Amino acid sequence: MEPGKWIRALREDRLIKPSDVERITRTVAEAKGNTDFYVPHSTLADIESGSIPSIHKLFSLAISLKVPLNELLLPFGIDPKEIADYEAGSRQDALQFQSLTGNEAPFRFALNFDTNSNTQETTLLRLQPQDTANLPPVLRAQIDLRYRYAVIGSSDDSMADLLPSRSVVQIDTSQNRVQVFAWRVLRERPIYLVWHTEGHTCCWCQVDGRELTMVPHPLSRQTIRRFKMPREATVVGRVTNAWLPFGSVQLERDIAS
C-alpha cells in the first residue's frame, strides 16, 4: 500500500479525525517552539494523497497516530535497522565508480513543482529541502522552507490583478487565523491561502463563528463562498510575498508583512 493510503487507513482505523491531528500536532509545535511540527488539515490531505512529509511532521504524525516513529518510516521504504548494512557498502561502491570512470557523478537539478498537478487550479507546492540544494545562491536565498509556496492556477482570478494567474505565492502557515483591522486600502487587507472542499484558493477571508467566508477581489469572476470550519475549509496561512509572472505590472511584490 502507498504510504499516504497506509497513513489514512491507520488514522481511520483508530477513529482519529483530521481535526484531532491538527489539535495534537499544534500542541507538539507549541511545545517545541517550531511550526514545522504542525500538521494542518490541508497538509494532512497532501500527505494522504502522496506528498512526502518532513521529518518534523512525521514525528508529530507518529504521536497523533500512536505509533513508533520507526514504524511510520517503513511505508516510505525506510528501515533504520538497514543503516549499518548500507554504510559499509556505500563507501566501497563510490570508490569503485570513481576508479572505473575517472569522473564525478553527473550534475542533476530538478525543482519538484509536482508536474502532475492541474495547472488550471491553484496548487500548494510540495517543495522539499533537496529541491533547492543546487539552486544558485541568489535564487536559493529567496526561498525559505519555513514557509509553504503555491502557484495560482491559470483559471483562478480570485484576486484579479493583485495575484494574477501563474503567480507564485509564499505562505506563512503560522498566520492561520484571520486578522481583522482597519485597513485603509485593499492592498493592506491580508490575503490567505484556504484549503476547502473544492481545492485551494487565495482570497480575503471573514470568519463568523465556525463559518469561513471567502471574499474574492471585486474585479474577479468568482463569487463569495461560505464553508463550515474545519470540516469544509481550513486557513493554510497568510500570503506574505508573491512573484508575479512576466507581463505583469511588476515581477515581485510584498503582499503584507
C-alpha atoms as a PDB file:
ATOM      1  CA  MET A   1       0.000   0.000   0.000  1.00  0.00           C
ATOM      2  CA  GLU A   2       1.195   3.545  -0.761  1.00  0.00           C
ATOM      3  CA  PRO A   3       2.447   5.463   2.322  1.00  0.00           C
ATOM      4  CA  GLY A   4      -0.303   8.097   2.164  1.00  0.00           C
ATOM      5  CA  LYS A   5      -3.058   5.490   1.872  1.00  0.00           C
ATOM      6  CA  TRP A   6      -1.454   3.494   4.691  1.00  0.00           C
ATOM      7  CA  ILE A   7      -1.464   6.560   6.967  1.00  0.00           C
ATOM      8  CA  ARG A   8      -5.082   7.330   6.126  1.00  0.00           C
ATOM      9  CA  ALA A   9      -6.155   3.731   6.705  1.00  0.00           C
ATOM     10  CA  LEU A  10      -4.368   3.683  10.060  1.00  0.00           C
ATOM     11  CA  ARG A  11      -5.928   7.009  11.071  1.00  0.00           C
ATOM     12  CA  GLU A  12      -9.439   5.912  10.116  1.00  0.00           C
ATOM     13  CA  ASP A  13      -8.978   2.504  11.735  1.00  0.00           C
ATOM     14  CA  ARG A  14      -8.136   4.269  15.014  1.00  0.00           C
ATOM     15  CA  LEU A  15     -11.040   6.735  14.578  1.00  0.00           C
ATOM     16  CA  ILE A  16      -8.661   9.712  14.531  1.00  0.00           C
ATOM     17  CA  LYS A  17     -10.162  12.711  12.735  1.00  0.00           C
ATOM     18  CA  PRO A  18      -8.131  15.335  10.813  1.00  0.00           C
ATOM     19  CA  SER A  19      -9.177  17.852  13.483  1.00  0.00           C
ATOM     20  CA  ASP A  20      -7.588  15.551  16.110  1.00  0.00           C
ATOM     21  CA  VAL A  21      -4.333  15.543  14.141  1.00  0.00           C
ATOM     22  CA  GLU A  22      -4.451  19.346  13.907  1.00  0.00           C
ATOM     23  CA  ARG A  23      -5.053  19.685  17.639  1.00  0.00           C
ATOM     24  CA  ILE A  24      -2.350  17.226  18.728  1.00  0.00           C
ATOM     25  CA  THR A  25       0.305  18.480  16.306  1.00  0.00           C
ATOM     26  CA  ARG A  26      -0.428  22.096  17.227  1.00  0.00           C
ATOM     27  CA  THR A  27       0.329  21.167  20.842  1.00  0.00           C
ATOM     28  CA  VAL A  28       3.581  19.494  19.752  1.00  0.00           C
ATOM     29  CA  ALA A  29       4.574  22.539  17.670  1.00  0.00           C
ATOM     30  CA  GLU A  30       3.869  24.894  20.567  1.00  0.00           C
ATOM     31  CA  ALA A  31       5.875  22.717  22.957  1.00  0.00           C
ATOM     32  CA  LYS A  32       8.780  22.551  20.500  1.00  0.00           C
ATOM     33  CA  GLY A  33       8.506  26.225  19.571  1.00  0.00           C
ATOM     34  CA  ASN A  34       8.629  25.222  15.899  1.00  0.00           C
ATOM     35  CA  THR A  35       5.678  25.402  13.469  1.00  0.00           C
ATOM     36  CA  ASP A  36       7.291  22.720  11.273  1.00  0.00           C
ATOM     37  CA  PHE A  37       5.811  20.151  13.661  1.00  0.00           C
ATOM     38  CA  TYR A  38       2.254  21.370  12.982  1.00  0.00           C
ATOM     39  CA  VAL A  39       0.134  19.304  10.547  1.00  0.00           C
ATOM     40  CA  PRO A  40      -2.969  21.268   9.474  1.00  0.00           C
ATOM     41  CA  HIS A  41      -5.846  19.648   7.597  1.00  0.00           C
ATOM     42  CA  SER A  42      -4.525  20.743   4.176  1.00  0.00           C
ATOM     43  CA  THR A  43      -1.067  19.260   4.827  1.00  0.00           C
ATOM     44  CA  LEU A  44      -2.569  16.007   6.113  1.00  0.00           C
ATOM     45  CA  ALA A  45      -4.661  15.806   2.937  1.00  0.00           C
ATOM     46  CA  ASP A  46      -1.476  16.325   0.860  1.00  0.00           C
ATOM     47  CA  ILE A  47       0.339  13.565   2.770  1.00  0.00           C
ATOM     48  CA  GLU A  48      -2.536  11.121   2.440  1.00  0.00           C
ATOM     49  CA  SER A  49      -2.647  11.920  -1.292  1.00  0.00           C
ATOM     50  CA  GLY A  50       1.028  11.060  -1.769  1.00  0.00           C
ATOM     51  CA  SER A  51       3.105  14.041  -0.592  1.00  0.00           C
ATOM     52  CA  ILE A  52       6.283  13.158   1.340  1.00  0.00           C
ATOM     53  CA  PRO A  53       6.185  14.793   4.799  1.00  0.00           C
ATOM     54  CA  SER A  54       9.176  16.358   6.507  1.00  0.00           C
ATOM     55  CA  ILE A  55      10.811  14.579   9.445  1.00  0.00           C
ATOM     56  CA  HIS A  56       9.201  17.114  11.797  1.00  0.00           C
ATOM     57  CA  LYS A  57       5.710  16.275  10.554  1.00  0.00           C
ATOM     58  CA  LEU A  58       6.433  12.539  10.614  1.00  0.00           C
ATOM     59  CA  PHE A  59       7.411  12.946  14.267  1.00  0.00           C
ATOM     60  CA  SER A  60       4.112  14.692  15.044  1.00  0.00           C
ATOM     61  CA  LEU A  61       2.112  12.163  12.991  1.00  0.00           C
ATOM     62  CA  ALA A  62       3.699   9.313  14.940  1.00  0.00           C
ATOM     63  CA  ILE A  63       2.447  10.927  18.152  1.00  0.00           C
ATOM     64  CA  SER A  64      -1.008  11.604  16.674  1.00  0.00           C
ATOM     65  CA  LEU A  65      -1.409   8.075  15.288  1.00  0.00           C
ATOM     66  CA  LYS A  66       0.145   6.477  18.401  1.00  0.00           C
ATOM     67  CA  VAL A  67       2.804   4.516  16.526  1.00  0.00           C
ATOM     68  CA  PRO A  68       6.611   4.457  16.925  1.00  0.00           C
ATOM     69  CA  LEU A  69       8.414   6.794  14.522  1.00  0.00           C
ATOM     70  CA  ASN A  70      10.464   3.886  13.160  1.00  0.00           C
ATOM     71  CA  GLU A  71       7.233   2.085  12.254  1.00  0.00           C
ATOM     72  CA  LEU A  72       5.909   5.173  10.467  1.00  0.00           C
ATOM     73  CA  LEU A  73       9.077   5.309   8.352  1.00  0.00           C
ATOM     74  CA  LEU A  74       8.611   1.764   6.998  1.00  0.00           C
ATOM     75  CA  PRO A  75       5.813   2.569   4.479  1.00  0.00           C
ATOM     76  CA  PHE A  76       8.182   5.115   2.919  1.00  0.00           C
ATOM     77  CA  GLY A  77      10.759   2.381   2.337  1.00  0.00           C
ATOM     78  CA  ILE A  78      12.978   3.479   5.235  1.00  0.00           C
ATOM     79  CA  ASP A  79      14.075   0.888   7.769  1.00  0.00           C
ATOM     80  CA  PRO A  80      16.515   2.444  10.296  1.00  0.00           C
ATOM     81  CA  LYS A  81      17.882  -1.037  11.009  1.00  0.00           C
ATOM     82  CA  GLU A  82      19.365  -1.150   7.494  1.00  0.00           C
ATOM     83  CA  ILE A  83      21.622   1.878   8.017  1.00  0.00           C
ATOM     84  CA  ALA A  84      24.546  -0.205   9.231  1.00  0.00           C
ATOM     85  CA  ASP A  85      24.246  -2.559   6.241  1.00  0.00           C
ATOM     86  CA  TYR A  86      24.448   0.264   3.713  1.00  0.00           C
ATOM     87  CA  GLU A  87      27.084   2.316   5.498  1.00  0.00           C
ATOM     88  CA  ALA A  88      29.968  -0.001   4.689  1.00  0.00           C
ATOM     89  CA  GLY A  89      28.875  -0.821   1.150  1.00  0.00           C
ATOM     90  CA  SER A  90      28.189   2.736   0.001  1.00  0.00           C
ATOM     91  CA  ARG A  91      31.768   3.905   0.522  1.00  0.00           C
ATOM     92  CA  GLN A  92      33.173   0.953  -1.408  1.00  0.00           C
ATOM     93  CA  ASP A  93      30.729   1.478  -4.302  1.00  0.00           C
ATOM     94  CA  ALA A  94      31.682   5.153  -4.586  1.00  0.00           C
ATOM     95  CA  LEU A  95      35.393   4.338  -4.747  1.00  0.00           C
ATOM     96  CA  GLN A  96      34.826   1.696  -7.435  1.00  0.00           C
ATOM     97  CA  PHE A  97      32.712   4.058  -9.539  1.00  0.00           C
ATOM     98  CA  GLN A  98      35.357   6.799  -9.478  1.00  0.00           C
ATOM     99  CA  SER A  99      38.157   4.369 -10.344  1.00  0.00           C
ATOM    100  CA  LEU A 100      36.215   3.000 -13.339  1.00  0.00           C
ATOM    101  CA  THR A 101      35.017   6.288 -14.830  1.00  0.00           C
ATOM    102  CA  GLY A 102      37.539   8.810 -13.586  1.00  0.00           C
ATOM    103  CA  ASN A 103      34.632  11.262 -13.315  1.00  0.00           C
ATOM    104  CA  GLU A 104      32.310  12.527 -10.662  1.00  0.00           C
ATOM    105  CA  ALA A 105      28.626  11.646 -10.794  1.00  0.00           C
ATOM    106  CA  PRO A 106      26.736  13.799 -13.350  1.00  0.00           C
ATOM    107  CA  PHE A 107      25.135  17.018 -12.126  1.00  0.00           C
ATOM    108  CA  ARG A 108      21.354  16.918 -11.973  1.00  0.00           C
ATOM    109  CA  PHE A 109      18.892  19.524 -10.819  1.00  0.00           C
ATOM    110  CA  ALA A 110      15.111  19.351 -10.767  1.00  0.00           C
ATOM    111  CA  LEU A 111      12.835  21.618  -8.764  1.00  0.00           C
ATOM    112  CA  ASN A 112       9.848  19.425  -7.910  1.00  0.00           C
ATOM    113  CA  PHE A 113       6.781  21.560  -8.590  1.00  0.00           C
ATOM    114  CA  ASP A 114       4.576  18.472  -8.951  1.00  0.00           C
ATOM    115  CA  THR A 115       4.079  18.423 -12.720  1.00  0.00           C
ATOM    116  CA  ASN A 116       1.159  16.012 -12.309  1.00  0.00           C
ATOM    117  CA  SER A 117      -0.968  18.714 -10.732  1.00  0.00           C
ATOM    118  CA  ASN A 118      -3.732  20.542 -12.586  1.00  0.00           C
ATOM    119  CA  THR A 119      -2.238  23.871 -13.710  1.00  0.00           C
ATOM    120  CA  GLN A 120      -5.704  25.373 -14.043  1.00  0.00           C
ATOM    121  CA  GLU A 121      -6.245  25.121 -10.291  1.00  0.00           C
ATOM    122  CA  THR A 122      -4.297  26.860  -7.532  1.00  0.00           C
ATOM    123  CA  THR A 123      -1.801  24.303  -6.216  1.00  0.00           C
ATOM    124  CA  LEU A 124       0.080  24.053  -2.923  1.00  0.00           C
ATOM    125  CA  LEU A 125       3.640  23.021  -3.859  1.00  0.00           C
ATOM    126  CA  ARG A 126       5.342  20.000  -2.333  1.00  0.00           C
ATOM    127  CA  LEU A 127       8.740  21.629  -2.022  1.00  0.00           C
ATOM    128  CA  GLN A 128      11.378  19.585  -0.190  1.00  0.00           C
ATOM    129  CA  PRO A 129      14.814  20.753   1.091  1.00  0.00           C
ATOM    130  CA  GLN A 130      16.624  18.678  -1.538  1.00  0.00           C
ATOM    131  CA  ASP A 131      14.758  20.566  -4.298  1.00  0.00           C
ATOM    132  CA  THR A 132      16.641  23.788  -3.520  1.00  0.00           C
ATOM    133  CA  ALA A 133      20.063  22.379  -2.642  1.00  0.00           C
ATOM    134  CA  ASN A 134      21.576  23.031  -6.094  1.00  0.00           C
ATOM    135  CA  LEU A 135      19.931  26.381  -6.797  1.00  0.00           C
ATOM    136  CA  PRO A 136      22.208  29.384  -7.395  1.00  0.00           C
ATOM    137  CA  PRO A 137      22.829  31.221  -4.086  1.00  0.00           C
ATOM    138  CA  VAL A 138      20.898  34.312  -5.197  1.00  0.00           C
ATOM    139  CA  LEU A 139      17.785  32.280  -6.031  1.00  0.00           C
ATOM    140  CA  ARG A 140      18.174  29.962  -3.068  1.00  0.00           C
ATOM    141  CA  ALA A 141      18.189  32.982  -0.762  1.00  0.00           C
ATOM    142  CA  GLN A 142      14.686  33.867  -1.982  1.00  0.00           C
ATOM    143  CA  ILE A 143      13.202  30.505  -0.947  1.00  0.00           C
ATOM    144  CA  ASP A 144      12.686  29.962   2.752  1.00  0.00           C
ATOM    145  CA  LEU A 145      11.459  26.472   3.590  1.00  0.00           C
ATOM    146  CA  ARG A 146       9.974  27.712   6.836  1.00  0.00           C
ATOM    147  CA  TYR A 147       7.148  28.805   4.546  1.00  0.00           C
ATOM    148  CA  ARG A 148       4.933  26.982   2.054  1.00  0.00           C
ATOM    149  CA  TYR A 149       4.604  28.002  -1.598  1.00  0.00           C
ATOM    150  CA  ALA A 150       1.698  27.827  -4.028  1.00  0.00           C
ATOM    151  CA  VAL A 151       1.060  28.594  -7.704  1.00  0.00           C
ATOM    152  CA  ILE A 152      -2.082  30.467  -8.719  1.00  0.00           C
ATOM    153  CA  GLY A 153      -3.961  28.400 -11.311  1.00  0.00           C
ATOM    154  CA  SER A 154      -4.470  29.642 -14.870  1.00  0.00           C
ATOM    155  CA  SER A 155      -8.252  29.732 -14.362  1.00  0.00           C
ATOM    156  CA  ASP A 156      -8.164  31.267 -10.867  1.00  0.00           C
ATOM    157  CA  ASP A 157      -8.750  35.022 -10.902  1.00  0.00           C
ATOM    158  CA  SER A 158      -9.956  35.218  -7.289  1.00  0.00           C
ATOM    159  CA  MET A 159      -7.554  38.078  -6.519  1.00  0.00           C
ATOM    160  CA  ALA A 160      -7.663  39.628 -10.023  1.00  0.00           C
ATOM    161  CA  ASP A 161      -4.590  41.784 -10.757  1.00  0.00           C
ATOM    162  CA  LEU A 162      -3.284  41.562  -7.177  1.00  0.00           C
ATOM    163  CA  LEU A 163      -2.357  37.911  -7.715  1.00  0.00           C
ATOM    164  CA  PRO A 164      -2.825  37.076 -11.399  1.00  0.00           C
ATOM    165  CA  SER A 165      -2.730  33.501 -12.659  1.00  0.00           C
ATOM    166  CA  ARG A 166       0.703  31.814 -12.700  1.00  0.00           C
ATOM    167  CA  SER A 167       1.891  33.883  -9.720  1.00  0.00           C
ATOM    168  CA  VAL A 168       3.957  32.070  -7.085  1.00  0.00           C
ATOM    169  CA  VAL A 169       2.977  32.992  -3.531  1.00  0.00           C
ATOM    170  CA  GLN A 170       4.745  32.487  -0.215  1.00  0.00           C
ATOM    171  CA  ILE A 171       2.553  31.273   2.657  1.00  0.00           C
ATOM    172  CA  ASP A 172       3.271  31.829   6.354  1.00  0.00           C
ATOM    173  CA  THR A 173       1.440  28.888   7.957  1.00  0.00           C
ATOM    174  CA  SER A 174       1.929  30.332  11.455  1.00  0.00           C
ATOM    175  CA  GLN A 175      -0.520  33.089  10.490  1.00  0.00           C
ATOM    176  CA  ASN A 176      -3.531  30.826  10.030  1.00  0.00           C
ATOM    177  CA  ARG A 177      -6.022  32.903  11.995  1.00  0.00           C
ATOM    178  CA  VAL A 178      -7.924  35.561  10.074  1.00  0.00           C
ATOM    179  CA  GLN A 179      -6.972  39.042  11.256  1.00  0.00           C
ATOM    180  CA  VAL A 180      -9.350  41.980  11.285  1.00  0.00           C
ATOM    181  CA  PHE A 181      -8.122  45.559  11.473  1.00  0.00           C
ATOM    182  CA  ALA A 182      -8.868  48.929   9.898  1.00  0.00           C
ATOM    183  CA  TRP A 183      -7.084  48.604   6.539  1.00  0.00           C
ATOM    184  CA  ARG A 184      -7.085  51.821   4.520  1.00  0.00           C
ATOM    185  CA  VAL A 185      -6.824  50.349   1.001  1.00  0.00           C
ATOM    186  CA  LEU A 186      -7.490  46.909  -0.495  1.00  0.00           C
ATOM    187  CA  ARG A 187      -3.771  46.099  -0.744  1.00  0.00           C
ATOM    188  CA  GLU A 188      -3.460  46.297   3.052  1.00  0.00           C
ATOM    189  CA  ARG A 189      -6.116  43.654   3.678  1.00  0.00           C
ATOM    190  CA  PRO A 190      -4.480  40.278   4.476  1.00  0.00           C
ATOM    191  CA  ILE A 191      -4.745  37.605   1.800  1.00  0.00           C
ATOM    192  CA  TYR A 192      -4.903  33.967   2.884  1.00  0.00           C
ATOM    193  CA  LEU A 193      -4.497  30.607   1.195  1.00  0.00           C
ATOM    194  CA  VAL A 194      -7.524  28.496   2.063  1.00  0.00           C
ATOM    195  CA  TRP A 195      -7.982  24.756   1.654  1.00  0.00           C
ATOM    196  CA  HIS A 196     -11.625  23.903   1.017  1.00  0.00           C
ATOM    197  CA  THR A 197     -13.644  21.020  -0.356  1.00  0.00           C
ATOM    198  CA  GLU A 198     -13.188  22.335  -3.912  1.00  0.00           C
ATOM    199  CA  GLY A 199      -9.399  22.847  -3.762  1.00  0.00           C
ATOM    200  CA  HIS A 200      -7.147  25.760  -2.739  1.00  0.00           C
ATOM    201  CA  THR A 201      -7.847  29.480  -3.161  1.00  0.00           C
ATOM    202  CA  CYS A 202      -6.030  32.721  -2.298  1.00  0.00           C
ATOM    203  CA  CYS A 203      -8.569  35.269  -1.120  1.00  0.00           C
ATOM    204  CA  TRP A 204      -9.678  37.668   1.573  1.00  0.00           C
ATOM    205  CA  CYS A 205     -11.417  35.961   4.468  1.00  0.00           C
ATOM    206  CA  GLN A 206     -14.027  36.617   7.110  1.00  0.00           C
ATOM    207  CA  VAL A 207     -14.795  34.284   9.994  1.00  0.00           C
ATOM    208  CA  ASP A 208     -18.119  34.259  11.838  1.00  0.00           C
ATOM    209  CA  GLY A 209     -18.102  31.562  14.483  1.00  0.00           C
ATOM    210  CA  ARG A 210     -17.377  28.337  12.601  1.00  0.00           C
ATOM    211  CA  GLU A 211     -18.259  29.760   9.183  1.00  0.00           C
ATOM    212  CA  LEU A 212     -15.499  30.921   6.848  1.00  0.00           C
ATOM    213  CA  THR A 213     -16.452  33.386   4.120  1.00  0.00           C
ATOM    214  CA  MET A 214     -14.088  33.573   1.128  1.00  0.00           C
ATOM    215  CA  VAL A 215     -14.181  37.052  -0.385  1.00  0.00           C
ATOM    216  CA  PRO A 216     -12.785  37.485  -3.946  1.00  0.00           C
ATOM    217  CA  HIS A 217     -11.445  40.695  -5.493  1.00  0.00           C
ATOM    218  CA  PRO A 218     -14.232  42.993  -6.823  1.00  0.00           C
ATOM    219  CA  LEU A 219     -12.898  42.508 -10.363  1.00  0.00           C
ATOM    220  CA  SER A 220     -12.899  38.713 -10.081  1.00  0.00           C
ATOM    221  CA  ARG A 221     -15.424  36.446 -11.789  1.00  0.00           C
ATOM    222  CA  GLN A 222     -15.565  34.341  -8.638  1.00  0.00           C
ATOM    223  CA  THR A 223     -18.463  34.509  -6.197  1.00  0.00           C
ATOM    224  CA  ILE A 224     -18.404  34.839  -2.432  1.00  0.00           C
ATOM    225  CA  ARG A 225     -18.356  31.352  -0.953  1.00  0.00           C
ATOM    226  CA  ARG A 226     -19.029  30.091   2.572  1.00  0.00           C
ATOM    227  CA  PHE A 227     -17.757  26.937   4.249  1.00  0.00           C
ATOM    228  CA  LYS A 228     -18.003  25.314   7.677  1.00  0.00           C
ATOM    229  CA  MET A 229     -14.719  25.119   9.597  1.00  0.00           C
ATOM    230  CA  PRO A 230     -12.773  22.904   9.909  1.00  0.00           C
ATOM    231  CA  ARG A 231     -14.740  20.159   8.119  1.00  0.00           C
ATOM    232  CA  GLU A 232     -15.179  22.025   4.821  1.00  0.00           C
ATOM    233  CA  ALA A 233     -12.369  24.601   4.932  1.00  0.00           C
ATOM    234  CA  THR A 234      -9.117  25.444   6.731  1.00  0.00           C
ATOM    235  CA  VAL A 235      -6.929  28.545   6.546  1.00  0.00           C
ATOM    236  CA  VAL A 236      -3.495  27.243   5.477  1.00  0.00           C
ATOM    237  CA  GLY A 237      -1.758  30.559   6.167  1.00  0.00           C
ATOM    238  CA  ARG A 238      -1.272  34.153   5.128  1.00  0.00           C
ATOM    239  CA  VAL A 239       0.272  35.262   1.823  1.00  0.00           C
ATOM    240  CA  THR A 240       3.397  37.215   2.761  1.00  0.00           C
ATOM    241  CA  ASN A 241       5.158  37.508  -0.584  1.00  0.00           C
ATOM    242  CA  ALA A 242       4.456  36.932  -4.277  1.00  0.00           C
ATOM    243  CA  TRP A 243       6.386  36.563  -7.521  1.00  0.00           C
ATOM    244  CA  LEU A 244       4.221  37.740 -10.392  1.00  0.00           C
ATOM    245  CA  PRO A 245       4.537  36.285 -13.925  1.00  0.00           C
ATOM    246  CA  PHE A 246       6.236  38.099 -16.788  1.00  0.00           C
ATOM    247  CA  GLY A 247       3.921  40.638 -18.351  1.00  0.00           C
ATOM    248  CA  SER A 248       2.504  41.811 -15.026  1.00  0.00           C
ATOM    249  CA  VAL A 249       2.943  45.344 -13.747  1.00  0.00           C
ATOM    250  CA  GLN A 250       5.805  44.175 -11.543  1.00  0.00           C
ATOM    251  CA  LEU A 251       7.581  40.881 -11.107  1.00  0.00           C
ATOM    252  CA  GLU A 252       7.732  40.774  -7.357  1.00  0.00           C
ATOM    253  CA  ARG A 253       5.547  42.314  -4.690  1.00  0.00           C
ATOM    254  CA  ASP A 254       5.380  42.217  -0.927  1.00  0.00           C
ATOM    255  CA  ILE A 255       1.760  41.476  -0.121  1.00  0.00           C
ATOM    256  CA  ALA A 256       1.999  42.052   3.622  1.00  0.00           C
ATOM    257  CA  SER A 257       4.494  41.987   6.426  1.00  0.00           C
END
